[in-house]
Protein backbone atom coordinates (compact mmCIF):
# COMPACT_ATOMS: atom_id res chain seq x y z
CA UNK A 1 0.00 0.00 0.00
CA UNK A 2 1.30 3.43 -0.97
CA UNK A 3 0.91 6.16 1.63
CA UNK A 4 0.06 9.44 -0.10
CA UNK A 5 -0.03 12.85 1.50
CA UNK A 6 -3.04 15.11 0.98
CA UNK A 7 -3.57 18.77 1.74
CA UNK A 8 -7.05 19.35 3.17
CA UNK A 9 -8.80 22.50 1.97
CA UNK A 10 -12.10 24.02 3.05
CA UNK A 11 -13.44 26.28 0.34
CA UNK A 12 -16.41 26.58 -1.98
CA UNK A 13 -15.38 25.22 -5.36
CA UNK A 14 -18.17 24.54 -7.85
CA UNK A 15 -15.91 22.72 -10.32
CA UNK A 16 -14.70 20.28 -7.65
CA UNK A 17 -18.26 19.91 -6.34
CA UNK A 18 -19.45 18.87 -9.79
CA UNK A 19 -16.51 16.47 -10.18
CA UNK A 20 -17.22 14.96 -6.76
CA UNK A 21 -20.92 14.57 -7.62
CA UNK A 22 -20.08 12.81 -10.89
CA UNK A 23 -17.62 10.46 -9.21
CA UNK A 24 -20.04 9.67 -6.38
CA UNK A 25 -22.79 9.00 -8.90
CA UNK A 26 -20.53 6.61 -10.81
CA UNK A 27 -19.35 4.87 -7.62
CA UNK A 28 -22.91 4.46 -6.31
CA UNK A 29 -24.17 3.20 -9.66
CA UNK A 30 -21.39 0.61 -9.79
CA UNK A 31 -22.10 -0.52 -6.22
CA UNK A 32 -25.90 -0.75 -6.42
CA UNK A 33 -27.84 -2.84 -8.95
CA UNK A 34 -30.96 -0.82 -8.05
CA UNK A 35 -29.32 2.51 -8.89
CA UNK A 36 -27.72 1.01 -11.99
CA UNK A 37 -31.15 -0.09 -13.22
CA UNK A 38 -32.55 3.42 -12.63
CA UNK A 39 -29.84 5.23 -14.62
CA UNK A 40 -31.06 6.37 -17.99
CA UNK A 41 -34.72 5.72 -17.22
CA UNK A 42 -37.40 8.37 -16.59
CA UNK A 43 -37.54 7.28 -12.92
CA UNK A 44 -33.80 7.93 -12.64
CA UNK A 45 -34.17 11.67 -13.20
CA UNK A 46 -35.39 14.24 -10.71
CA UNK A 47 -38.41 15.96 -12.21
CA UNK A 48 -39.69 19.16 -10.58
CA UNK A 49 -43.24 19.17 -9.26
CA UNK A 50 -44.79 22.51 -8.28
CA UNK A 51 -48.37 23.20 -7.15
CA UNK A 52 -49.66 26.76 -6.58
CA UNK A 53 -52.71 28.27 -4.89
CA UNK A 54 -53.51 31.58 -6.55
CA UNK A 55 -56.29 33.87 -5.29
CA UNK A 56 -58.87 34.03 -8.07
CA UNK A 57 -59.82 37.65 -7.42
CA UNK A 58 -56.44 39.27 -6.74
CA UNK A 59 -53.98 36.86 -8.35
CA UNK A 60 -51.98 36.84 -5.10
CA UNK A 61 -50.07 33.74 -4.07
CA UNK A 62 -51.96 32.05 -1.25
CA UNK A 63 -49.67 29.06 -0.96
CA UNK A 64 -47.58 26.57 -2.81
CA UNK A 65 -45.70 23.31 -2.81
CA UNK A 66 -42.28 22.80 -4.40
CA UNK A 67 -40.84 19.35 -4.72
CA UNK A 68 -39.66 16.76 -7.20
CA UNK A 69 -40.15 13.14 -8.09
CA UNK A 70 -37.37 10.58 -8.33
CA UNK A 71 -37.26 6.80 -8.27
CA UNK A 72 -41.02 6.45 -7.71
CA UNK A 73 -40.95 8.88 -4.77
CA UNK A 74 -42.37 12.35 -4.32
CA UNK A 75 -40.04 14.57 -2.29
CA UNK A 76 -41.76 17.63 -0.83
CA UNK A 77 -39.15 20.35 -0.41
CA UNK A 78 -41.37 23.30 0.57
CA UNK A 79 -45.03 23.66 1.50
CA UNK A 80 -46.23 27.10 2.53
CA UNK A 81 -49.66 28.66 3.06
CA UNK A 82 -50.23 32.38 3.68
CA UNK A 83 -51.17 33.04 7.31
CA UNK A 84 -54.60 34.42 6.27
CA UNK A 85 -55.46 31.11 4.59
CA UNK A 86 -54.21 28.68 7.22
CA UNK A 87 -56.73 26.41 8.88
CA UNK A 88 -59.04 26.36 5.86
CA UNK A 89 -57.67 23.17 4.28
CA UNK A 90 -55.50 24.83 1.63
CA UNK A 91 -52.32 23.06 2.73
CA UNK A 92 -54.06 19.70 2.55
CA UNK A 93 -55.38 20.51 -0.93
CA UNK A 94 -51.90 21.50 -2.15
CA UNK A 95 -50.37 18.34 -0.72
CA UNK A 96 -53.15 16.13 -2.12
CA UNK A 97 -52.72 17.69 -5.58
CA UNK A 98 -48.97 16.99 -5.52
CA UNK A 99 -49.52 13.42 -4.32
CA UNK A 100 -52.17 12.84 -7.01
CA UNK A 101 -49.87 14.15 -9.76
CA UNK A 102 -46.96 12.08 -8.44
CA UNK A 103 -49.10 8.93 -8.25
CA UNK A 104 -51.12 9.20 -11.46
CA UNK A 105 -48.75 10.99 -13.83
CA UNK A 106 -45.37 9.82 -12.54
CA UNK A 107 -46.09 6.38 -11.05
CA UNK A 108 -44.86 7.33 -7.59
CA UNK A 109 -45.66 4.94 -4.77
CA UNK A 110 -44.47 6.99 -1.80
CA UNK A 111 -43.73 10.50 -0.56
CA UNK A 112 -41.22 11.97 1.87
CA UNK A 113 -40.53 15.31 3.49
CA UNK A 114 -38.77 17.02 6.38
CA UNK A 115 -40.30 19.49 8.82
CA UNK A 116 -39.36 21.12 12.11
CA UNK A 117 -41.26 20.85 15.38
CA UNK A 118 -42.55 24.45 15.15
CA UNK A 119 -43.77 23.95 11.59
CA UNK A 120 -46.22 21.19 10.81
CA UNK A 121 -45.47 17.64 11.99
CA UNK A 122 -49.04 17.24 13.28
CA UNK A 123 -50.47 18.54 9.99
CA UNK A 124 -48.52 15.91 8.05
CA UNK A 125 -49.58 13.14 10.44
CA UNK A 126 -53.21 14.14 9.80
CA UNK A 127 -52.50 13.80 6.06
CA UNK A 128 -51.40 10.18 6.60
CA UNK A 129 -47.65 10.64 6.98
CA UNK A 130 -45.61 8.59 9.45
CA UNK A 131 -42.58 9.85 11.35
CA UNK A 132 -39.57 7.74 10.35
CA UNK A 133 -36.78 9.86 11.80
CA UNK A 134 -36.42 12.40 14.60
CA UNK A 135 -33.29 14.53 14.93
CA UNK A 136 -33.31 16.52 18.17
CA UNK A 137 -31.37 19.76 18.43
CA UNK A 138 -31.08 20.27 14.65
CA UNK A 139 -30.53 23.18 14.65
CA UNK A 140 -29.94 23.72 18.37
CA UNK A 141 -33.23 24.00 20.23
CA UNK A 142 -35.30 22.60 17.33
CA UNK A 143 -36.29 19.06 16.40
CA UNK A 144 -36.39 17.95 12.77
CA UNK A 145 -38.74 15.22 11.59
CA UNK A 146 -38.62 13.10 8.45
CA UNK A 147 -42.00 11.72 7.44
CA UNK A 148 -43.10 9.30 4.73
CA UNK A 149 -46.39 8.16 3.23
CA UNK A 150 -47.35 5.33 0.90
CA UNK A 151 -49.36 6.66 -2.04
CA UNK A 152 -52.23 4.82 -3.67
C-alpha atoms as a PDB file:
ATOM      1  CA  UNK A   1       0.000   0.000   0.000  1.00  0.00           C
ATOM      2  CA  UNK A   2       1.296   3.426  -0.966  1.00  0.00           C
ATOM      3  CA  UNK A   3       0.915   6.164   1.631  1.00  0.00           C
ATOM      4  CA  UNK A   4       0.064   9.437  -0.102  1.00  0.00           C
ATOM      5  CA  UNK A   5      -0.029  12.855   1.495  1.00  0.00           C
ATOM      6  CA  UNK A   6      -3.037  15.110   0.980  1.00  0.00           C
ATOM      7  CA  UNK A   7      -3.566  18.773   1.738  1.00  0.00           C
ATOM      8  CA  UNK A   8      -7.050  19.354   3.170  1.00  0.00           C
ATOM      9  CA  UNK A   9      -8.804  22.503   1.970  1.00  0.00           C
ATOM     10  CA  UNK A  10     -12.102  24.018   3.046  1.00  0.00           C
ATOM     11  CA  UNK A  11     -13.437  26.279   0.342  1.00  0.00           C
ATOM     12  CA  UNK A  12     -16.413  26.575  -1.979  1.00  0.00           C
ATOM     13  CA  UNK A  13     -15.382  25.222  -5.363  1.00  0.00           C
ATOM     14  CA  UNK A  14     -18.172  24.536  -7.855  1.00  0.00           C
ATOM     15  CA  UNK A  15     -15.907  22.718 -10.320  1.00  0.00           C
ATOM     16  CA  UNK A  16     -14.696  20.282  -7.648  1.00  0.00           C
ATOM     17  CA  UNK A  17     -18.264  19.905  -6.339  1.00  0.00           C
ATOM     18  CA  UNK A  18     -19.451  18.870  -9.794  1.00  0.00           C
ATOM     19  CA  UNK A  19     -16.508  16.469 -10.181  1.00  0.00           C
ATOM     20  CA  UNK A  20     -17.223  14.960  -6.762  1.00  0.00           C
ATOM     21  CA  UNK A  21     -20.916  14.566  -7.615  1.00  0.00           C
ATOM     22  CA  UNK A  22     -20.082  12.815 -10.891  1.00  0.00           C
ATOM     23  CA  UNK A  23     -17.620  10.460  -9.211  1.00  0.00           C
ATOM     24  CA  UNK A  24     -20.038   9.672  -6.376  1.00  0.00           C
ATOM     25  CA  UNK A  25     -22.792   8.998  -8.896  1.00  0.00           C
ATOM     26  CA  UNK A  26     -20.528   6.607 -10.810  1.00  0.00           C
ATOM     27  CA  UNK A  27     -19.353   4.865  -7.624  1.00  0.00           C
ATOM     28  CA  UNK A  28     -22.906   4.463  -6.309  1.00  0.00           C
ATOM     29  CA  UNK A  29     -24.169   3.203  -9.662  1.00  0.00           C
ATOM     30  CA  UNK A  30     -21.392   0.605  -9.794  1.00  0.00           C
ATOM     31  CA  UNK A  31     -22.105  -0.521  -6.218  1.00  0.00           C
ATOM     32  CA  UNK A  32     -25.905  -0.747  -6.423  1.00  0.00           C
ATOM     33  CA  UNK A  33     -27.845  -2.839  -8.951  1.00  0.00           C
ATOM     34  CA  UNK A  34     -30.961  -0.823  -8.055  1.00  0.00           C
ATOM     35  CA  UNK A  35     -29.317   2.510  -8.891  1.00  0.00           C
ATOM     36  CA  UNK A  36     -27.717   1.011 -11.988  1.00  0.00           C
ATOM     37  CA  UNK A  37     -31.155  -0.095 -13.216  1.00  0.00           C
ATOM     38  CA  UNK A  38     -32.547   3.415 -12.631  1.00  0.00           C
ATOM     39  CA  UNK A  39     -29.842   5.233 -14.616  1.00  0.00           C
ATOM     40  CA  UNK A  40     -31.055   6.370 -17.990  1.00  0.00           C
ATOM     41  CA  UNK A  41     -34.722   5.725 -17.221  1.00  0.00           C
ATOM     42  CA  UNK A  42     -37.401   8.370 -16.589  1.00  0.00           C
ATOM     43  CA  UNK A  43     -37.536   7.284 -12.924  1.00  0.00           C
ATOM     44  CA  UNK A  44     -33.798   7.929 -12.637  1.00  0.00           C
ATOM     45  CA  UNK A  45     -34.166  11.668 -13.199  1.00  0.00           C
ATOM     46  CA  UNK A  46     -35.386  14.243 -10.707  1.00  0.00           C
ATOM     47  CA  UNK A  47     -38.406  15.961 -12.210  1.00  0.00           C
ATOM     48  CA  UNK A  48     -39.685  19.164 -10.577  1.00  0.00           C
ATOM     49  CA  UNK A  49     -43.241  19.171  -9.262  1.00  0.00           C
ATOM     50  CA  UNK A  50     -44.795  22.512  -8.275  1.00  0.00           C
ATOM     51  CA  UNK A  51     -48.374  23.204  -7.147  1.00  0.00           C
ATOM     52  CA  UNK A  52     -49.663  26.757  -6.580  1.00  0.00           C
ATOM     53  CA  UNK A  53     -52.712  28.274  -4.887  1.00  0.00           C
ATOM     54  CA  UNK A  54     -53.515  31.582  -6.550  1.00  0.00           C
ATOM     55  CA  UNK A  55     -56.290  33.872  -5.289  1.00  0.00           C
ATOM     56  CA  UNK A  56     -58.875  34.029  -8.075  1.00  0.00           C
ATOM     57  CA  UNK A  57     -59.820  37.650  -7.424  1.00  0.00           C
ATOM     58  CA  UNK A  58     -56.436  39.272  -6.745  1.00  0.00           C
ATOM     59  CA  UNK A  59     -53.981  36.858  -8.350  1.00  0.00           C
ATOM     60  CA  UNK A  60     -51.985  36.842  -5.103  1.00  0.00           C
ATOM     61  CA  UNK A  61     -50.073  33.743  -4.073  1.00  0.00           C
ATOM     62  CA  UNK A  62     -51.962  32.051  -1.252  1.00  0.00           C
ATOM     63  CA  UNK A  63     -49.670  29.056  -0.964  1.00  0.00           C
ATOM     64  CA  UNK A  64     -47.578  26.571  -2.815  1.00  0.00           C
ATOM     65  CA  UNK A  65     -45.697  23.314  -2.814  1.00  0.00           C
ATOM     66  CA  UNK A  66     -42.282  22.805  -4.398  1.00  0.00           C
ATOM     67  CA  UNK A  67     -40.839  19.350  -4.721  1.00  0.00           C
ATOM     68  CA  UNK A  68     -39.658  16.765  -7.196  1.00  0.00           C
ATOM     69  CA  UNK A  69     -40.152  13.137  -8.092  1.00  0.00           C
ATOM     70  CA  UNK A  70     -37.373  10.585  -8.334  1.00  0.00           C
ATOM     71  CA  UNK A  71     -37.261   6.796  -8.269  1.00  0.00           C
ATOM     72  CA  UNK A  72     -41.023   6.453  -7.709  1.00  0.00           C
ATOM     73  CA  UNK A  73     -40.952   8.881  -4.766  1.00  0.00           C
ATOM     74  CA  UNK A  74     -42.370  12.353  -4.325  1.00  0.00           C
ATOM     75  CA  UNK A  75     -40.043  14.569  -2.289  1.00  0.00           C
ATOM     76  CA  UNK A  76     -41.758  17.630  -0.827  1.00  0.00           C
ATOM     77  CA  UNK A  77     -39.149  20.350  -0.409  1.00  0.00           C
ATOM     78  CA  UNK A  78     -41.375  23.301   0.573  1.00  0.00           C
ATOM     79  CA  UNK A  79     -45.030  23.657   1.502  1.00  0.00           C
ATOM     80  CA  UNK A  80     -46.227  27.097   2.527  1.00  0.00           C
ATOM     81  CA  UNK A  81     -49.657  28.662   3.060  1.00  0.00           C
ATOM     82  CA  UNK A  82     -50.228  32.377   3.678  1.00  0.00           C
ATOM     83  CA  UNK A  83     -51.174  33.044   7.307  1.00  0.00           C
ATOM     84  CA  UNK A  84     -54.598  34.420   6.265  1.00  0.00           C
ATOM     85  CA  UNK A  85     -55.464  31.110   4.590  1.00  0.00           C
ATOM     86  CA  UNK A  86     -54.206  28.684   7.223  1.00  0.00           C
ATOM     87  CA  UNK A  87     -56.726  26.410   8.884  1.00  0.00           C
ATOM     88  CA  UNK A  88     -59.036  26.362   5.859  1.00  0.00           C
ATOM     89  CA  UNK A  89     -57.665  23.167   4.277  1.00  0.00           C
ATOM     90  CA  UNK A  90     -55.503  24.831   1.625  1.00  0.00           C
ATOM     91  CA  UNK A  91     -52.317  23.062   2.733  1.00  0.00           C
ATOM     92  CA  UNK A  92     -54.057  19.700   2.549  1.00  0.00           C
ATOM     93  CA  UNK A  93     -55.381  20.515  -0.926  1.00  0.00           C
ATOM     94  CA  UNK A  94     -51.905  21.495  -2.153  1.00  0.00           C
ATOM     95  CA  UNK A  95     -50.371  18.335  -0.716  1.00  0.00           C
ATOM     96  CA  UNK A  96     -53.148  16.134  -2.121  1.00  0.00           C
ATOM     97  CA  UNK A  97     -52.720  17.691  -5.584  1.00  0.00           C
ATOM     98  CA  UNK A  98     -48.974  16.994  -5.518  1.00  0.00           C
ATOM     99  CA  UNK A  99     -49.523  13.423  -4.319  1.00  0.00           C
ATOM    100  CA  UNK A 100     -52.172  12.842  -7.006  1.00  0.00           C
ATOM    101  CA  UNK A 101     -49.872  14.145  -9.758  1.00  0.00           C
ATOM    102  CA  UNK A 102     -46.958  12.083  -8.437  1.00  0.00           C
ATOM    103  CA  UNK A 103     -49.095   8.926  -8.246  1.00  0.00           C
ATOM    104  CA  UNK A 104     -51.122   9.204 -11.463  1.00  0.00           C
ATOM    105  CA  UNK A 105     -48.750  10.991 -13.834  1.00  0.00           C
ATOM    106  CA  UNK A 106     -45.374   9.817 -12.538  1.00  0.00           C
ATOM    107  CA  UNK A 107     -46.094   6.380 -11.054  1.00  0.00           C
ATOM    108  CA  UNK A 108     -44.862   7.333  -7.586  1.00  0.00           C
ATOM    109  CA  UNK A 109     -45.663   4.936  -4.771  1.00  0.00           C
ATOM    110  CA  UNK A 110     -44.467   6.994  -1.801  1.00  0.00           C
ATOM    111  CA  UNK A 111     -43.734  10.502  -0.559  1.00  0.00           C
ATOM    112  CA  UNK A 112     -41.217  11.972   1.867  1.00  0.00           C
ATOM    113  CA  UNK A 113     -40.530  15.310   3.493  1.00  0.00           C
ATOM    114  CA  UNK A 114     -38.772  17.016   6.380  1.00  0.00           C
ATOM    115  CA  UNK A 115     -40.301  19.487   8.819  1.00  0.00           C
ATOM    116  CA  UNK A 116     -39.356  21.121  12.105  1.00  0.00           C
ATOM    117  CA  UNK A 117     -41.257  20.850  15.378  1.00  0.00           C
ATOM    118  CA  UNK A 118     -42.546  24.448  15.151  1.00  0.00           C
ATOM    119  CA  UNK A 119     -43.770  23.951  11.592  1.00  0.00           C
ATOM    120  CA  UNK A 120     -46.218  21.192  10.807  1.00  0.00           C
ATOM    121  CA  UNK A 121     -45.467  17.644  11.995  1.00  0.00           C
ATOM    122  CA  UNK A 122     -49.040  17.241  13.282  1.00  0.00           C
ATOM    123  CA  UNK A 123     -50.471  18.536   9.988  1.00  0.00           C
ATOM    124  CA  UNK A 124     -48.519  15.909   8.048  1.00  0.00           C
ATOM    125  CA  UNK A 125     -49.578  13.136  10.437  1.00  0.00           C
ATOM    126  CA  UNK A 126     -53.209  14.137   9.795  1.00  0.00           C
ATOM    127  CA  UNK A 127     -52.502  13.795   6.065  1.00  0.00           C
ATOM    128  CA  UNK A 128     -51.398  10.177   6.595  1.00  0.00           C
ATOM    129  CA  UNK A 129     -47.646  10.641   6.977  1.00  0.00           C
ATOM    130  CA  UNK A 130     -45.613   8.585   9.453  1.00  0.00           C
ATOM    131  CA  UNK A 131     -42.578   9.846  11.354  1.00  0.00           C
ATOM    132  CA  UNK A 132     -39.570   7.736  10.353  1.00  0.00           C
ATOM    133  CA  UNK A 133     -36.780   9.865  11.800  1.00  0.00           C
ATOM    134  CA  UNK A 134     -36.420  12.403  14.600  1.00  0.00           C
ATOM    135  CA  UNK A 135     -33.291  14.531  14.926  1.00  0.00           C
ATOM    136  CA  UNK A 136     -33.306  16.516  18.166  1.00  0.00           C
ATOM    137  CA  UNK A 137     -31.371  19.762  18.430  1.00  0.00           C
ATOM    138  CA  UNK A 138     -31.078  20.267  14.647  1.00  0.00           C
ATOM    139  CA  UNK A 139     -30.525  23.177  14.647  1.00  0.00           C
ATOM    140  CA  UNK A 140     -29.942  23.723  18.370  1.00  0.00           C
ATOM    141  CA  UNK A 141     -33.232  24.000  20.227  1.00  0.00           C
ATOM    142  CA  UNK A 142     -35.299  22.602  17.335  1.00  0.00           C
ATOM    143  CA  UNK A 143     -36.295  19.056  16.400  1.00  0.00           C
ATOM    144  CA  UNK A 144     -36.385  17.952  12.774  1.00  0.00           C
ATOM    145  CA  UNK A 145     -38.738  15.216  11.588  1.00  0.00           C
ATOM    146  CA  UNK A 146     -38.620  13.099   8.446  1.00  0.00           C
ATOM    147  CA  UNK A 147     -41.996  11.722   7.445  1.00  0.00           C
ATOM    148  CA  UNK A 148     -43.099   9.299   4.730  1.00  0.00           C
ATOM    149  CA  UNK A 149     -46.394   8.162   3.228  1.00  0.00           C
ATOM    150  CA  UNK A 150     -47.353   5.334   0.898  1.00  0.00           C
ATOM    151  CA  UNK A 151     -49.359   6.657  -2.042  1.00  0.00           C
ATOM    152  CA  UNK A 152     -52.232   4.820  -3.674  1.00  0.00           C
END
